[in-house]
Amino acid sequence: MLPKPYDHQEYLRQVHSSEAVAAMVTSPNAQVRELWSRLLRLVAAADPSSFHPDIRSWYAPIGRPPKDPYRIMRSLLLMIYLGHGSVREWYLTLHHSSALAALCGWSADEPLPAIGTFYMFSHRACQTSPCRGVIRRKQRRIKGTKGEKLKPRRPQVVSRLLERYRRHPPKPPFPRWLSLWAKVLAGSLERGLLGNLDDVFYVGDGSPVPSGANDRGHKTCDHGREPCDCPRRYADPGARFGWDPNRECTFFGRHLVTIAALGPCGPLPLYPRFYQGNRHDGVAFFCAQEEMFQILPGRVRLTKLAHDSAADILAIYQRCEERGITPFIDLNRRGTKEDACGASWTHQLPHGLRLDDQGRILCPAGIPTVPRGSSHHGKYQHLDCPKRRHPELKVSCPDSCHLSTKTASLKRAAALRLLTPVPRGSPTFQRYYKKRTYVEQWYKQAKVDFAMATAGHRSDPFWNTRLYLTAMLMHFMAWAGLVKEKPMLREVLGT
């Protein structure tokens, strides 16, 4: 049966009339009063009234009445905001705290739904059915190089993906969550939280998220031989072995890619996406960016991109040029021989030219070269001698310097990467490139403050449910003006 229409004002009247909530708001403890003041501001701003047409389509018109999905969603939002990683732990907290149950929408004389209702909500939202795991062959641990990201398994994979997406744009998964996510983005656009819509600056990065499932799996055979390479049952089908370059260790889980826009209230996620743990950071970002282009409203114009050296891939530069985006991407100095696109860059610098630490092209005398236009319809980019263009420079050039009489030419593939619209090393490039760390602040809040890193879920539906609710929570906090306030510890509630 279809759920009842949602009335946000009726819910707020019910919350303010609750004696348990009033006792918390008037508590003699100042920290408790401040925390509950924030919670009331948050639930008042998180109005899911616009979700009703979409959530209504999740249910059949016949059958028994469903448990209120708005209460379940609000309960999971509060679970994330208060830093609870386990659903079972949060369920016990609701049983012991009548004030939190009233804040979620359940009255004092109304029993809480069973704990399985929370998991069934995630399955319904992701359009999946409960699964006891998947049987596949035993996975091998991945050993990366110290201080380096995971190497791509297939060279030229991003170039092939670019050609495919030009013909057939990708379809983002989980359409039910995306329909709700579009409503949240529209609310932030109306409030002006993304800044100037004609000049949106966005950043991207990836981060590992470990799974709570056993990385060894469960045996399905009984022959007793060791070692055993028979297929095993894995409780978390979407988890894979990956390499964490920051901690220099192997992890079993997922690779989280987040694309965020920098607005007046700080970074707000535009599109979060989970990939398997063994996915290369640059490949995952390219796929997430292409999916983001399909869901963003047409009035949003992305103009600037900042990313670390993992996105130093030719296909990403080509895509940015096609869409009019100025890239602020660092050079991949740790992989100077070959990048994720399979292209070698060091041999493409002719006549003794070389790169410095800031990514600028230097002449044999060690001075940055000067761009001098293009030829053959942009197929070649030319570089000129800095001393010939600026005679006031007092430097001693080698006798065999080619630039003293002729210009140097670079092919278009090398020029897109090396001759960026904003030159590397310039103050403007450094100012925008430093802003890429804003997405790392988002990861800190999502993984530490909101307990995503220690959640330990074992299913794809609940991982993606938690991811989208965490991203929505960031926008709801911006709506309520809670972004710049320090998070309160959940121990204040005694949970």
Protein backbone atom coordinates (compact mmCIF):
# COMPACT_ATOMS: atom_id res chain seq x y z
CA MET A 1 0.00 0.00 0.00
CA LEU A 2 1.15 3.54 -0.69
CA PRO A 3 2.58 5.59 2.22
CA LYS A 4 0.59 8.50 3.64
CA PRO A 5 1.35 12.04 2.41
CA TYR A 6 4.00 13.76 4.48
CA ASP A 7 3.22 16.92 6.48
CA HIS A 8 6.39 18.58 7.80
CA GLN A 9 4.55 21.17 9.89
CA GLU A 10 2.56 18.46 11.66
CA TYR A 11 5.79 16.62 12.42
CA LEU A 12 7.39 19.76 13.91
CA ARG A 13 4.32 20.37 16.10
CA GLN A 14 4.55 16.78 17.34
CA VAL A 15 8.24 17.18 18.18
CA HIS A 16 7.82 20.47 20.06
CA SER A 17 4.90 19.05 22.04
CA SER A 18 6.94 16.03 23.21
CA GLU A 19 7.77 16.10 26.92
CA ALA A 20 10.99 14.10 26.38
CA VAL A 21 12.27 16.62 23.83
CA ALA A 22 11.29 19.54 26.08
CA ALA A 23 13.27 17.99 28.93
CA MET A 24 16.37 17.88 26.76
CA VAL A 25 15.95 21.43 25.46
CA THR A 26 15.63 22.78 29.04
CA SER A 27 18.37 20.55 30.50
CA PRO A 28 20.69 22.16 33.10
CA ASN A 29 23.66 20.85 31.08
CA ALA A 30 24.72 23.56 28.61
CA GLN A 31 26.24 21.06 26.15
CA VAL A 32 23.02 19.05 26.03
CA ARG A 33 20.98 22.19 25.37
CA GLU A 34 23.33 23.27 22.58
CA LEU A 35 23.29 19.85 20.94
CA TRP A 36 19.50 19.60 20.99
CA SER A 37 19.26 23.11 19.63
CA ARG A 38 21.32 21.94 16.65
CA LEU A 39 19.23 18.79 16.24
CA LEU A 40 16.00 20.79 16.15
CA ARG A 41 17.47 23.19 13.59
CA LEU A 42 18.60 20.24 11.49
CA VAL A 43 15.27 18.38 11.44
CA ALA A 44 13.44 21.65 10.75
CA ALA A 45 15.62 22.32 7.69
CA ALA A 46 15.57 18.71 6.42
CA ASP A 47 12.09 18.86 4.93
CA PRO A 48 11.41 15.72 2.83
CA SER A 49 8.05 16.97 1.53
CA SER A 50 9.40 17.16 -2.02
CA PHE A 51 10.41 13.47 -1.80
CA HIS A 52 6.82 12.21 -1.54
CA PRO A 53 6.10 11.75 -5.30
CA ASP A 54 9.33 9.77 -5.69
CA ILE A 55 8.99 7.67 -2.53
CA ARG A 56 5.35 6.98 -3.39
CA SER A 57 6.50 5.22 -6.57
CA TRP A 58 8.59 2.80 -4.50
CA TYR A 59 5.49 1.01 -3.16
CA ALA A 60 2.66 -0.97 -4.71
CA PRO A 61 -0.90 0.38 -4.50
CA ILE A 62 -2.10 -2.81 -2.73
CA GLY A 63 -0.95 -4.69 0.33
CA ARG A 64 -0.49 -3.81 3.99
CA PRO A 65 0.44 -0.25 4.95
CA PRO A 66 4.24 0.21 4.98
CA LYS A 67 6.27 1.55 7.86
CA ASP A 68 6.67 5.30 7.54
CA PRO A 69 9.69 5.73 5.19
CA TYR A 70 10.16 9.36 6.25
CA ARG A 71 10.72 8.33 9.86
CA ILE A 72 13.18 5.66 8.77
CA MET A 73 15.10 8.14 6.62
CA ARG A 74 15.13 10.79 9.36
CA SER A 75 16.28 8.20 11.88
CA LEU A 76 19.19 7.18 9.65
CA LEU A 77 20.12 10.84 9.13
CA LEU A 78 20.26 11.39 12.89
CA MET A 79 22.25 8.18 13.28
CA ILE A 80 24.87 9.52 10.88
CA TYR A 81 24.89 13.01 12.39
CA LEU A 82 25.43 11.65 15.91
CA GLY A 83 28.30 9.43 14.75
CA HIS A 84 26.78 5.96 15.13
CA GLY A 85 28.32 3.44 12.76
CA SER A 86 26.19 0.40 13.58
CA VAL A 87 22.47 0.18 12.90
CA ARG A 88 22.05 -2.26 15.78
CA GLU A 89 23.77 0.16 18.14
CA TRP A 90 21.53 2.99 16.96
CA TYR A 91 18.43 0.81 17.32
CA LEU A 92 19.27 0.10 20.95
CA THR A 93 19.86 3.83 21.49
CA LEU A 94 16.36 4.61 20.23
CA HIS A 95 14.92 2.06 22.66
CA HIS A 96 16.68 3.72 25.59
CA SER A 97 16.10 7.36 24.56
CA SER A 98 12.48 8.41 24.17
CA ALA A 99 13.63 11.91 23.16
CA LEU A 100 15.55 10.63 20.12
CA ALA A 101 12.63 8.38 19.17
CA ALA A 102 10.31 11.40 19.34
CA LEU A 103 12.76 13.42 17.26
CA CYS A 104 12.63 10.70 14.60
CA GLY A 105 8.82 10.91 14.57
CA TRP A 106 7.67 8.06 16.83
CA SER A 107 5.42 9.04 19.72
CA ALA A 108 5.80 7.67 23.24
CA ASP A 109 2.91 5.19 22.91
CA GLU A 110 4.00 3.96 19.45
CA PRO A 111 6.38 0.98 19.21
CA LEU A 112 9.50 1.20 17.12
CA PRO A 113 9.64 -0.89 13.93
CA ALA A 114 11.80 -3.97 13.81
CA ILE A 115 15.50 -3.52 13.05
CA GLY A 116 15.04 -5.30 9.74
CA THR A 117 12.88 -2.38 8.58
CA PHE A 118 15.99 -0.20 8.32
CA TYR A 119 17.74 -2.75 6.10
CA MET A 120 14.65 -3.34 3.97
CA PHE A 121 14.42 0.42 3.41
CA SER A 122 17.95 0.39 1.93
CA HIS A 123 17.06 -2.57 -0.31
CA ARG A 124 13.92 -0.82 -1.51
CA ALA A 125 15.78 2.42 -2.19
CA CYS A 126 18.53 0.60 -4.13
CA GLN A 127 16.09 -1.79 -5.86
CA THR A 128 17.88 -4.89 -4.64
CA SER A 129 16.86 -8.00 -2.73
CA PRO A 130 18.50 -9.40 0.42
CA CYS A 131 21.55 -11.49 -0.41
CA ARG A 132 23.61 -13.85 1.73
CA GLY A 133 26.75 -13.11 -0.22
CA VAL A 134 28.26 -14.16 -3.49
CA ILE A 135 30.44 -17.14 -4.40
CA ARG A 136 33.56 -16.37 -6.42
CA ARG A 137 37.15 -17.48 -6.56
CA LYS A 138 39.54 -16.59 -3.78
CA GLN A 139 40.81 -13.02 -4.00
CA ARG A 140 44.45 -12.10 -3.97
CA ARG A 141 45.86 -9.30 -1.87
CA ILE A 142 47.21 -6.27 -3.72
CA LYS A 143 50.70 -5.06 -2.89
CA GLY A 144 51.39 -1.51 -3.99
CA THR A 145 54.54 0.57 -4.10
CA LYS A 146 55.49 2.68 -1.11
CA GLY A 147 54.21 6.23 -1.51
CA GLU A 148 52.49 5.56 -4.87
CA LYS A 149 48.91 4.98 -5.91
CA LEU A 150 47.65 1.73 -7.33
CA LYS A 151 48.80 1.24 -10.93
CA PRO A 152 46.15 0.78 -13.63
CA ARG A 153 45.57 -2.80 -14.70
CA ARG A 154 44.72 -1.93 -18.31
CA PRO A 155 46.70 0.73 -20.21
CA GLN A 156 44.71 3.18 -22.35
CA VAL A 157 41.52 2.31 -20.45
CA VAL A 158 40.49 5.95 -19.94
CA SER A 159 40.91 6.73 -23.64
CA ARG A 160 38.68 3.81 -24.54
CA LEU A 161 36.12 4.94 -21.96
CA LEU A 162 36.15 8.43 -23.44
CA GLU A 163 35.38 7.09 -26.90
CA ARG A 164 32.59 4.93 -25.50
CA TYR A 165 31.01 7.75 -23.49
CA ARG A 166 31.05 10.03 -26.50
CA ARG A 167 28.80 7.53 -28.30
CA HIS A 168 26.80 6.27 -25.33
CA PRO A 169 26.72 8.45 -22.19
CA PRO A 170 26.82 6.39 -18.98
CA LYS A 171 23.76 5.78 -16.83
CA PRO A 172 24.39 6.44 -13.12
CA PRO A 173 23.24 3.59 -10.85
CA PHE A 174 20.54 3.73 -8.16
CA PRO A 175 17.95 5.90 -9.97
CA ARG A 176 15.72 6.10 -6.89
CA TRP A 177 18.45 7.71 -4.81
CA LEU A 178 19.36 9.97 -7.72
CA SER A 179 15.80 11.27 -7.96
CA LEU A 180 15.96 12.29 -4.28
CA TRP A 181 19.49 13.64 -4.75
CA ALA A 182 18.29 15.89 -7.58
CA LYS A 183 15.72 17.43 -5.22
CA VAL A 184 18.43 18.15 -2.64
CA LEU A 185 20.69 19.77 -5.25
CA ALA A 186 17.78 21.88 -6.45
CA GLY A 187 17.19 23.08 -2.89
CA SER A 188 20.83 24.11 -2.52
CA LEU A 189 20.73 25.91 -5.87
CA GLU A 190 17.67 27.89 -4.80
CA ARG A 191 19.44 28.93 -1.59
CA GLY A 192 22.56 30.03 -3.48
CA LEU A 193 24.84 27.59 -1.64
CA LEU A 194 26.82 26.70 -4.78
CA GLY A 195 27.80 30.27 -5.58
CA ASN A 196 27.67 31.66 -9.11
CA LEU A 197 25.99 29.01 -11.27
CA ASP A 198 27.77 30.31 -14.38
CA ASP A 199 31.20 29.80 -12.83
CA VAL A 200 31.20 26.72 -10.58
CA PHE A 201 34.57 25.54 -9.28
CA TYR A 202 34.60 21.85 -8.35
CA VAL A 203 37.18 19.50 -6.84
CA GLY A 204 37.51 15.74 -6.77
CA ASP A 205 39.41 13.08 -4.89
CA GLY A 206 39.23 9.45 -3.83
CA SER A 207 39.47 7.75 -0.46
CA PRO A 208 39.43 4.09 0.68
CA VAL A 209 36.55 2.87 2.84
CA PRO A 210 37.12 -0.54 4.51
CA SER A 211 34.34 -3.10 4.67
CA GLY A 212 33.16 -4.92 7.77
CA ALA A 213 33.10 -8.29 6.01
CA ASN A 214 35.75 -10.98 6.29
CA ASP A 215 38.33 -10.53 3.53
CA ARG A 216 39.13 -14.26 3.47
CA GLY A 217 35.59 -15.37 2.72
CA HIS A 218 33.95 -18.60 3.86
CA LYS A 219 34.88 -21.97 2.43
CA THR A 220 32.32 -23.82 0.35
CA CYS A 221 34.34 -27.04 0.08
CA ASP A 222 35.12 -29.81 2.59
CA HIS A 223 38.15 -31.57 1.06
CA GLY A 224 40.47 -30.32 3.82
CA ARG A 225 43.43 -29.54 1.57
CA GLU A 226 45.63 -26.53 2.25
CA PRO A 227 46.14 -24.19 0.53
CA CYS A 228 42.64 -24.14 -0.92
CA ASP A 229 41.86 -22.22 -4.12
CA CYS A 230 38.21 -23.25 -4.36
CA PRO A 231 35.54 -20.57 -4.75
CA ARG A 232 34.48 -18.95 -1.50
CA ARG A 233 31.39 -17.12 -0.25
CA TYR A 234 31.97 -13.43 0.44
CA ALA A 235 29.44 -11.61 2.61
CA ASP A 236 30.14 -8.25 0.93
CA PRO A 237 29.88 -8.71 -2.86
CA GLY A 238 31.13 -5.20 -3.71
CA ALA A 239 34.32 -5.24 -1.63
CA ARG A 240 37.73 -5.81 -3.22
CA PHE A 241 41.34 -5.63 -2.15
CA GLY A 242 42.88 -2.23 -2.78
CA TRP A 243 45.97 -0.23 -1.90
CA ASP A 244 45.94 2.77 0.44
CA PRO A 245 48.96 4.95 -0.53
CA ASN A 246 48.64 7.25 2.48
CA ARG A 247 48.83 4.48 5.07
CA GLU A 248 50.86 2.24 2.75
CA CYS A 249 48.76 -0.83 3.44
CA THR A 250 46.23 -3.11 1.78
CA PHE A 251 42.56 -2.67 2.57
CA PHE A 252 39.44 -4.70 1.78
CA GLY A 253 36.51 -2.53 0.86
CA ARG A 254 35.47 0.21 -1.55
CA HIS A 255 36.95 3.23 -3.25
CA LEU A 256 34.92 6.37 -2.55
CA VAL A 257 35.06 9.14 -5.15
CA THR A 258 33.46 12.49 -4.28
CA ILE A 259 33.06 15.51 -6.54
CA ALA A 260 32.30 18.64 -4.52
CA ALA A 261 31.58 22.26 -5.41
CA LEU A 262 33.07 25.15 -3.48
CA GLY A 263 30.37 27.58 -2.42
CA PRO A 264 29.89 30.25 0.26
CA CYS A 265 29.42 27.57 2.96
CA GLY A 266 32.44 25.50 1.92
CA PRO A 267 32.53 22.23 -0.07
CA LEU A 268 29.18 20.63 -0.83
CA PRO A 269 29.06 17.26 -2.62
CA LEU A 270 27.76 17.26 -6.18
CA TYR A 271 28.08 13.53 -6.80
CA PRO A 272 29.37 10.78 -4.48
CA ARG A 273 30.11 7.34 -5.86
CA PHE A 274 31.41 4.01 -4.56
CA TYR A 275 33.69 1.87 -6.73
CA GLN A 276 35.49 -1.37 -6.05
CA GLY A 277 38.63 -1.08 -3.96
CA ASN A 278 40.94 -2.13 -6.79
CA ARG A 279 39.85 0.71 -9.10
CA HIS A 280 42.52 3.25 -10.05
CA ASP A 281 41.87 6.72 -8.62
CA GLY A 282 42.06 8.47 -12.00
CA VAL A 283 39.82 5.95 -13.75
CA ALA A 284 37.24 6.14 -10.96
CA PHE A 285 37.21 9.95 -11.05
CA PHE A 286 36.75 10.02 -14.84
CA CYS A 287 33.77 7.64 -14.65
CA ALA A 288 32.22 9.57 -11.74
CA GLN A 289 32.65 12.85 -13.59
CA GLU A 290 30.91 11.50 -16.69
CA GLU A 291 28.01 10.23 -14.59
CA MET A 292 27.80 13.59 -12.80
CA PHE A 293 27.39 15.38 -16.14
CA GLN A 294 24.20 13.35 -16.72
CA ILE A 295 22.46 14.37 -13.47
CA LEU A 296 23.47 18.01 -13.01
CA PRO A 297 20.83 20.63 -13.84
CA GLY A 298 21.41 22.41 -17.14
CA ARG A 299 21.76 25.83 -15.48
CA VAL A 300 24.91 24.72 -13.63
CA ARG A 301 28.04 25.51 -15.64
CA LEU A 302 31.25 23.89 -14.44
CA THR A 303 34.26 26.02 -15.36
CA LYS A 304 37.19 24.99 -13.13
CA LEU A 305 38.48 21.65 -11.86
CA ALA A 306 41.13 20.91 -9.23
CA HIS A 307 42.52 17.42 -8.66
CA ASP A 308 45.76 15.81 -7.59
CA SER A 309 48.22 14.01 -9.86
CA ALA A 310 46.01 10.89 -10.09
CA ALA A 311 43.88 12.74 -12.67
CA ASP A 312 46.92 13.62 -14.79
CA ILE A 313 45.45 11.67 -17.73
CA LEU A 314 45.16 12.79 -21.34
CA ALA A 315 41.48 11.84 -21.64
CA ILE A 316 40.57 14.07 -18.69
CA TYR A 317 42.32 17.04 -20.33
CA GLN A 318 40.50 16.31 -23.58
CA ARG A 319 37.15 16.15 -21.80
CA CYS A 320 37.84 19.41 -20.00
CA GLU A 321 38.70 21.10 -23.31
CA GLU A 322 35.46 19.84 -24.89
CA ARG A 323 33.33 21.17 -22.04
CA GLY A 324 35.17 24.45 -21.53
CA ILE A 325 36.61 23.50 -18.12
CA THR A 326 39.94 24.89 -16.96
CA PRO A 327 41.93 22.09 -15.27
CA PHE A 328 44.17 22.67 -12.27
CA ILE A 329 45.83 19.26 -12.08
CA ASP A 330 49.28 18.50 -10.75
CA LEU A 331 51.82 16.56 -12.79
CA ASN A 332 52.24 12.88 -12.02
CA ARG A 333 55.91 13.04 -11.08
CA ARG A 334 55.91 9.60 -9.45
CA GLY A 335 54.90 8.03 -12.75
CA THR A 336 57.08 9.97 -15.18
CA LYS A 337 57.40 7.08 -17.60
CA GLU A 338 53.75 6.23 -18.15
CA ASP A 339 50.43 7.48 -16.83
CA ALA A 340 47.03 5.77 -16.56
CA CYS A 341 46.41 6.55 -20.21
CA GLY A 342 49.56 4.70 -21.24
CA ALA A 343 51.23 7.78 -22.75
CA SER A 344 54.87 8.56 -22.10
CA TRP A 345 55.60 12.24 -21.56
CA THR A 346 59.32 12.63 -20.91
CA HIS A 347 60.41 11.67 -24.44
CA GLN A 348 57.98 14.17 -26.01
CA LEU A 349 60.06 17.20 -25.01
CA PRO A 350 62.40 17.98 -27.95
CA HIS A 351 65.74 19.77 -28.19
CA GLY A 352 66.88 19.43 -24.59
CA LEU A 353 63.74 20.84 -23.00
CA ARG A 354 62.86 19.61 -19.52
CA LEU A 355 60.32 20.04 -16.74
CA ASP A 356 60.95 21.69 -13.38
CA ASP A 357 59.33 20.88 -10.04
CA GLN A 358 56.39 23.18 -10.77
CA GLY A 359 55.58 21.58 -14.13
CA ARG A 360 56.95 24.38 -16.33
CA ILE A 361 58.87 23.65 -19.55
CA LEU A 362 62.46 24.94 -19.29
CA CYS A 363 64.89 25.68 -22.06
CA PRO A 364 68.44 24.21 -21.99
CA ALA A 365 69.54 27.30 -20.00
CA GLY A 366 66.95 26.58 -17.28
CA ILE A 367 64.51 29.43 -18.09
CA PRO A 368 60.77 28.88 -18.69
CA THR A 369 59.94 28.88 -22.38
CA VAL A 370 57.39 31.22 -23.98
CA PRO A 371 54.33 29.87 -25.90
CA ARG A 372 54.17 31.02 -29.52
CA GLY A 373 50.85 29.91 -30.97
CA SER A 374 49.96 26.79 -32.92
CA SER A 375 49.88 25.46 -36.47
CA HIS A 376 48.17 22.81 -38.59
CA HIS A 377 44.78 23.64 -37.05
CA GLY A 378 46.08 23.24 -33.52
CA LYS A 379 47.86 19.96 -34.12
CA TYR A 380 51.20 21.43 -33.00
CA GLN A 381 51.94 23.96 -30.25
CA HIS A 382 55.12 26.03 -30.54
CA LEU A 383 57.55 27.25 -27.87
CA ASP A 384 59.96 30.13 -28.28
CA CYS A 385 63.30 31.03 -26.72
CA PRO A 386 62.79 33.22 -23.62
CA LYS A 387 65.96 35.22 -24.34
CA ARG A 388 64.84 36.01 -27.89
CA ARG A 389 61.45 37.21 -26.67
CA HIS A 390 62.95 39.07 -23.71
CA PRO A 391 66.41 40.43 -24.68
CA GLU A 392 66.86 42.02 -21.26
CA LEU A 393 67.48 38.58 -19.74
CA LYS A 394 71.17 38.12 -18.94
CA VAL A 395 71.80 34.40 -19.25
CA SER A 396 74.43 32.30 -20.96
CA CYS A 397 72.87 29.93 -23.46
CA PRO A 398 74.60 26.76 -24.71
CA ASP A 399 76.20 27.02 -28.11
CA SER A 400 74.08 24.16 -29.45
CA CYS A 401 70.75 25.59 -28.26
CA HIS A 402 68.09 24.90 -30.87
CA LEU A 403 65.69 27.54 -29.55
CA SER A 404 68.10 30.36 -30.30
CA THR A 405 67.28 30.10 -34.03
CA LYS A 406 64.04 28.09 -34.27
CA THR A 407 60.95 27.31 -32.27
CA ALA A 408 60.22 23.95 -30.62
CA SER A 409 57.02 22.09 -31.47
CA LEU A 410 54.91 19.90 -29.24
CA LYS A 411 52.18 17.54 -30.38
CA ARG A 412 48.66 18.26 -29.24
CA ALA A 413 48.57 15.33 -26.79
CA ALA A 414 51.61 16.63 -24.94
CA ALA A 415 50.50 20.26 -25.17
CA LEU A 416 47.13 19.59 -23.53
CA ARG A 417 48.89 18.27 -20.47
CA LEU A 418 52.01 20.42 -20.31
CA LEU A 419 50.68 23.76 -21.64
CA THR A 420 47.60 24.23 -19.47
CA PRO A 421 45.37 27.32 -19.95
CA VAL A 422 46.66 28.64 -16.62
CA PRO A 423 50.42 27.94 -16.55
CA ARG A 424 51.66 25.72 -13.76
CA GLY A 425 53.78 27.58 -11.26
CA SER A 426 51.82 30.80 -11.66
CA PRO A 427 50.17 32.35 -8.56
CA THR A 428 46.71 31.81 -10.07
CA PHE A 429 47.35 28.10 -10.60
CA GLN A 430 48.69 27.65 -7.07
CA ARG A 431 45.74 29.52 -5.56
CA TYR A 432 43.16 27.30 -7.22
CA TYR A 433 45.14 24.09 -6.83
CA LYS A 434 45.39 24.52 -3.06
CA LYS A 435 41.59 24.48 -2.86
CA ARG A 436 41.50 20.81 -3.82
CA THR A 437 42.11 19.98 -0.14
CA TYR A 438 38.55 21.08 0.62
CA VAL A 439 37.28 17.69 -0.48
CA GLU A 440 39.66 16.08 2.01
CA GLN A 441 37.92 18.08 4.73
CA TRP A 442 34.65 16.57 3.50
CA TYR A 443 36.19 13.09 3.81
CA LYS A 444 37.32 13.86 7.35
CA GLN A 445 33.82 14.85 8.36
CA ALA A 446 32.17 11.93 6.58
CA LYS A 447 34.60 9.22 7.69
CA VAL A 448 35.52 10.43 11.20
CA ASP A 449 32.74 12.67 12.51
CA PHE A 450 29.97 10.68 10.83
CA ALA A 451 31.68 7.28 11.46
CA MET A 452 31.72 6.03 7.86
CA ALA A 453 35.22 4.58 8.29
CA THR A 454 34.12 2.45 11.26
CA ALA A 455 30.59 1.62 10.08
CA GLY A 456 31.53 -1.92 9.04
CA HIS A 457 28.48 -2.61 6.85
CA ARG A 458 28.46 -5.76 4.74
CA SER A 459 26.11 -5.00 1.85
CA ASP A 460 26.11 -2.76 -1.19
CA PRO A 461 22.59 -1.38 -0.56
CA PHE A 462 23.34 -0.13 2.93
CA TRP A 463 26.73 1.28 1.98
CA ASN A 464 25.13 3.32 -0.80
CA THR A 465 22.23 4.30 1.47
CA ARG A 466 24.68 5.62 4.03
CA LEU A 467 26.68 7.42 1.33
CA TYR A 468 23.70 9.28 -0.14
CA LEU A 469 22.28 10.13 3.27
CA THR A 470 25.67 11.47 4.37
CA ALA A 471 25.84 13.67 1.26
CA MET A 472 22.26 14.85 1.84
CA LEU A 473 23.11 15.57 5.48
CA MET A 474 25.89 17.92 4.35
CA HIS A 475 23.36 19.93 2.34
CA PHE A 476 20.79 19.89 5.15
CA MET A 477 23.43 21.21 7.55
CA ALA A 478 24.17 24.01 5.11
CA TRP A 479 20.45 24.79 4.91
CA ALA A 480 20.30 24.98 8.71
CA GLY A 481 23.52 27.01 9.03
CA LEU A 482 25.36 24.23 10.91
CA VAL A 483 28.33 23.80 8.55
CA LYS A 484 30.85 26.04 10.32
CA GLU A 485 29.94 24.88 13.85
CA LYS A 486 32.06 22.25 15.55
CA PRO A 487 30.41 18.81 15.81
CA MET A 488 29.26 17.73 19.25
CA LEU A 489 30.28 14.39 20.69
CA ARG A 490 27.52 11.84 20.94
CA GLU A 491 28.66 11.12 24.52
CA VAL A 492 26.84 14.33 25.45
CA LEU A 493 23.60 12.40 25.01
CA GLY A 494 24.93 9.49 26.99
CA THR A 495 24.45 7.12 24.05
